[in-house]
Amino acid sequence: MTTDSQSPQLRWVKSSYSGNGGSCVEWAPGHALATGVVPLRDSKRPTGVALMVSPTAFAGLVTLARSSEV
């Protein structure tokens, strides 16, 4: 599922790695807490669409990102 990433109710938080010039993501924790659905978007394309994932899928993505060599 995707949604318009410019939706006014979404408050986006950048990955702590966004300052390093790499490919980074943003997520909307308030929306995730309120709905149980985690919105993700490319921090370099803030006007693009957002991917909506379950908390379990988001946790898996975070685990994968932390374990991968970049």
N, C-alpha and C. Protein backbone atom coordinates (compact mmCIF):
# COMPACT_ATOMS: atom_id res chain seq x y z
N MET A 1 0.85 -1.17 0.00
CA MET A 1 0.00 0.00 0.00
C MET A 1 0.90 1.24 0.00
N THR A 2 0.51 2.25 -0.72
CA THR A 2 1.23 3.52 -0.73
C THR A 2 0.28 4.64 -0.39
N THR A 3 0.83 5.79 -0.03
CA THR A 3 0.02 6.96 0.26
C THR A 3 0.78 8.20 -0.18
N ASP A 4 0.09 9.31 -0.29
CA ASP A 4 0.74 10.57 -0.61
C ASP A 4 1.62 10.98 0.56
N SER A 5 2.92 11.11 0.32
CA SER A 5 3.85 11.43 1.40
C SER A 5 3.74 12.87 1.88
N GLN A 6 2.95 13.69 1.20
CA GLN A 6 2.75 15.07 1.61
C GLN A 6 1.52 15.24 2.49
N SER A 7 0.90 14.16 2.89
CA SER A 7 -0.29 14.21 3.71
C SER A 7 -0.02 15.04 4.97
N PRO A 8 -0.89 16.00 5.31
CA PRO A 8 -0.60 16.91 6.42
C PRO A 8 -0.54 16.23 7.78
N GLN A 9 -1.18 15.08 7.95
CA GLN A 9 -1.17 14.43 9.25
C GLN A 9 0.11 13.64 9.51
N LEU A 10 0.98 13.51 8.52
CA LEU A 10 2.21 12.76 8.70
C LEU A 10 3.36 13.69 9.09
N ARG A 11 3.97 13.41 10.22
CA ARG A 11 5.15 14.15 10.65
C ARG A 11 6.35 13.23 10.50
N TRP A 12 7.23 13.57 9.57
CA TRP A 12 8.32 12.70 9.17
C TRP A 12 9.57 12.89 10.01
N VAL A 13 10.26 11.78 10.29
CA VAL A 13 11.51 11.76 11.03
C VAL A 13 12.55 11.10 10.14
N LYS A 14 13.71 11.77 9.98
CA LYS A 14 14.77 11.22 9.14
C LYS A 14 15.58 10.17 9.89
N SER A 15 16.10 9.25 9.13
CA SER A 15 17.04 8.28 9.66
C SER A 15 18.24 9.02 10.23
N SER A 16 18.84 8.47 11.26
CA SER A 16 20.03 9.10 11.85
C SER A 16 21.20 9.09 10.87
N TYR A 17 21.11 8.31 9.81
CA TYR A 17 22.17 8.24 8.81
C TYR A 17 21.94 9.20 7.64
N SER A 18 20.88 10.01 7.68
CA SER A 18 20.57 10.89 6.56
C SER A 18 21.63 11.94 6.29
N GLY A 19 22.42 12.29 7.27
CA GLY A 19 23.44 13.31 7.10
C GLY A 19 24.69 12.83 6.39
N ASN A 20 24.79 11.52 6.12
CA ASN A 20 26.02 10.99 5.53
C ASN A 20 26.01 10.96 4.00
N GLY A 21 24.96 11.46 3.37
CA GLY A 21 24.91 11.52 1.92
C GLY A 21 24.47 10.23 1.25
N GLY A 22 24.14 9.24 2.03
CA GLY A 22 23.71 7.96 1.47
C GLY A 22 22.22 7.93 1.19
N SER A 23 21.74 6.79 0.77
CA SER A 23 20.32 6.61 0.54
C SER A 23 19.65 6.38 1.89
N CYS A 24 18.75 7.27 2.26
CA CYS A 24 18.14 7.19 3.58
C CYS A 24 16.62 7.23 3.49
N VAL A 25 16.01 6.84 4.58
CA VAL A 25 14.55 6.83 4.65
C VAL A 25 14.07 7.72 5.78
N GLU A 26 12.80 8.08 5.67
CA GLU A 26 12.09 8.78 6.74
C GLU A 26 10.89 7.92 7.11
N TRP A 27 10.45 8.08 8.33
CA TRP A 27 9.24 7.38 8.76
C TRP A 27 8.42 8.34 9.60
N ALA A 28 7.15 8.00 9.81
CA ALA A 28 6.23 8.84 10.57
C ALA A 28 5.78 8.10 11.83
N PRO A 29 6.54 8.25 12.92
CA PRO A 29 6.24 7.47 14.13
C PRO A 29 4.89 7.77 14.75
N GLY A 30 4.43 9.02 14.67
CA GLY A 30 3.11 9.35 15.23
C GLY A 30 1.99 8.60 14.53
N HIS A 31 2.09 8.52 13.22
CA HIS A 31 1.09 7.78 12.44
C HIS A 31 1.17 6.29 12.79
N ALA A 32 2.39 5.79 12.93
CA ALA A 32 2.57 4.38 13.26
C ALA A 32 1.95 4.06 14.62
N LEU A 33 2.16 4.93 15.59
CA LEU A 33 1.61 4.72 16.93
C LEU A 33 0.08 4.77 16.92
N ALA A 34 -0.47 5.72 16.16
CA ALA A 34 -1.92 5.91 16.13
C ALA A 34 -2.65 4.83 15.34
N THR A 35 -2.01 4.30 14.29
CA THR A 35 -2.74 3.40 13.39
C THR A 35 -2.21 1.97 13.34
N GLY A 36 -0.96 1.77 13.79
CA GLY A 36 -0.36 0.44 13.67
C GLY A 36 0.20 0.18 12.28
N VAL A 37 0.30 1.23 11.46
CA VAL A 37 0.86 1.13 10.12
C VAL A 37 2.02 2.12 10.03
N VAL A 38 3.18 1.64 9.57
CA VAL A 38 4.38 2.47 9.54
C VAL A 38 4.61 3.01 8.13
N PRO A 39 4.50 4.34 7.94
CA PRO A 39 4.79 4.94 6.64
C PRO A 39 6.30 5.17 6.48
N LEU A 40 6.82 4.83 5.31
CA LEU A 40 8.23 5.03 4.97
C LEU A 40 8.31 5.78 3.66
N ARG A 41 9.33 6.65 3.52
CA ARG A 41 9.55 7.31 2.24
C ARG A 41 11.04 7.58 2.07
N ASP A 42 11.43 7.82 0.85
CA ASP A 42 12.80 8.17 0.50
C ASP A 42 13.05 9.61 0.92
N SER A 43 14.06 9.84 1.77
CA SER A 43 14.32 11.20 2.25
C SER A 43 14.77 12.13 1.13
N LYS A 44 15.25 11.57 0.04
CA LYS A 44 15.67 12.40 -1.09
C LYS A 44 14.51 12.71 -2.03
N ARG A 45 13.35 12.08 -1.82
CA ARG A 45 12.16 12.32 -2.65
C ARG A 45 10.96 12.56 -1.76
N PRO A 46 10.97 13.63 -0.98
CA PRO A 46 9.89 13.87 -0.02
C PRO A 46 8.52 14.11 -0.65
N THR A 47 8.48 14.42 -1.94
CA THR A 47 7.18 14.62 -2.58
C THR A 47 6.67 13.34 -3.25
N GLY A 48 7.42 12.26 -3.13
CA GLY A 48 7.01 10.99 -3.71
C GLY A 48 5.99 10.28 -2.83
N VAL A 49 5.73 9.06 -3.16
CA VAL A 49 4.78 8.26 -2.40
C VAL A 49 5.47 7.63 -1.19
N ALA A 50 4.67 7.20 -0.25
CA ALA A 50 5.17 6.52 0.94
C ALA A 50 4.74 5.07 0.90
N LEU A 51 5.60 4.21 1.35
CA LEU A 51 5.30 2.79 1.48
C LEU A 51 4.76 2.57 2.89
N MET A 52 3.64 1.87 2.99
CA MET A 52 3.04 1.60 4.30
C MET A 52 3.30 0.13 4.65
N VAL A 53 3.94 -0.10 5.81
CA VAL A 53 4.28 -1.46 6.21
C VAL A 53 3.81 -1.72 7.63
N SER A 54 3.75 -2.98 7.97
CA SER A 54 3.38 -3.37 9.33
C SER A 54 4.56 -3.10 10.27
N PRO A 55 4.30 -2.98 11.57
CA PRO A 55 5.40 -2.83 12.52
C PRO A 55 6.41 -3.98 12.45
N THR A 56 5.93 -5.18 12.20
CA THR A 56 6.82 -6.34 12.08
C THR A 56 7.74 -6.20 10.87
N ALA A 57 7.18 -5.77 9.75
CA ALA A 57 7.99 -5.55 8.55
C ALA A 57 9.00 -4.43 8.78
N PHE A 58 8.59 -3.35 9.45
CA PHE A 58 9.49 -2.25 9.74
C PHE A 58 10.65 -2.71 10.63
N ALA A 59 10.33 -3.48 11.65
CA ALA A 59 11.38 -4.01 12.54
C ALA A 59 12.36 -4.88 11.75
N GLY A 60 11.84 -5.67 10.82
CA GLY A 60 12.71 -6.49 9.98
C GLY A 60 13.62 -5.65 9.10
N LEU A 61 13.09 -4.56 8.55
CA LEU A 61 13.91 -3.66 7.73
C LEU A 61 15.01 -3.00 8.56
N VAL A 62 14.67 -2.59 9.77
CA VAL A 62 15.67 -1.98 10.65
C VAL A 62 16.76 -2.98 11.00
N THR A 63 16.37 -4.20 11.31
CA THR A 63 17.34 -5.25 11.63
C THR A 63 18.26 -5.50 10.44
N LEU A 64 17.68 -5.60 9.26
CA LEU A 64 18.47 -5.82 8.05
C LEU A 64 19.44 -4.66 7.81
N ALA A 65 18.96 -3.44 7.96
CA ALA A 65 19.82 -2.27 7.73
C ALA A 65 20.98 -2.23 8.72
N ARG A 66 20.71 -2.57 9.95
CA ARG A 66 21.77 -2.57 10.97
C ARG A 66 22.81 -3.67 10.74
N SER A 67 22.39 -4.76 10.14
CA SER A 67 23.30 -5.89 9.98
C SER A 67 24.08 -5.87 8.67
N SER A 68 23.64 -5.06 7.72
CA SER A 68 24.26 -5.03 6.40
C SER A 68 25.47 -4.10 6.37
N GLU A 69 26.48 -4.51 5.62
CA GLU A 69 27.62 -3.63 5.38
C GLU A 69 27.29 -2.72 4.22
N VAL A 70 27.57 -1.46 4.40
CA VAL A 70 27.28 -0.48 3.36
C VAL A 70 28.54 -0.09 2.63
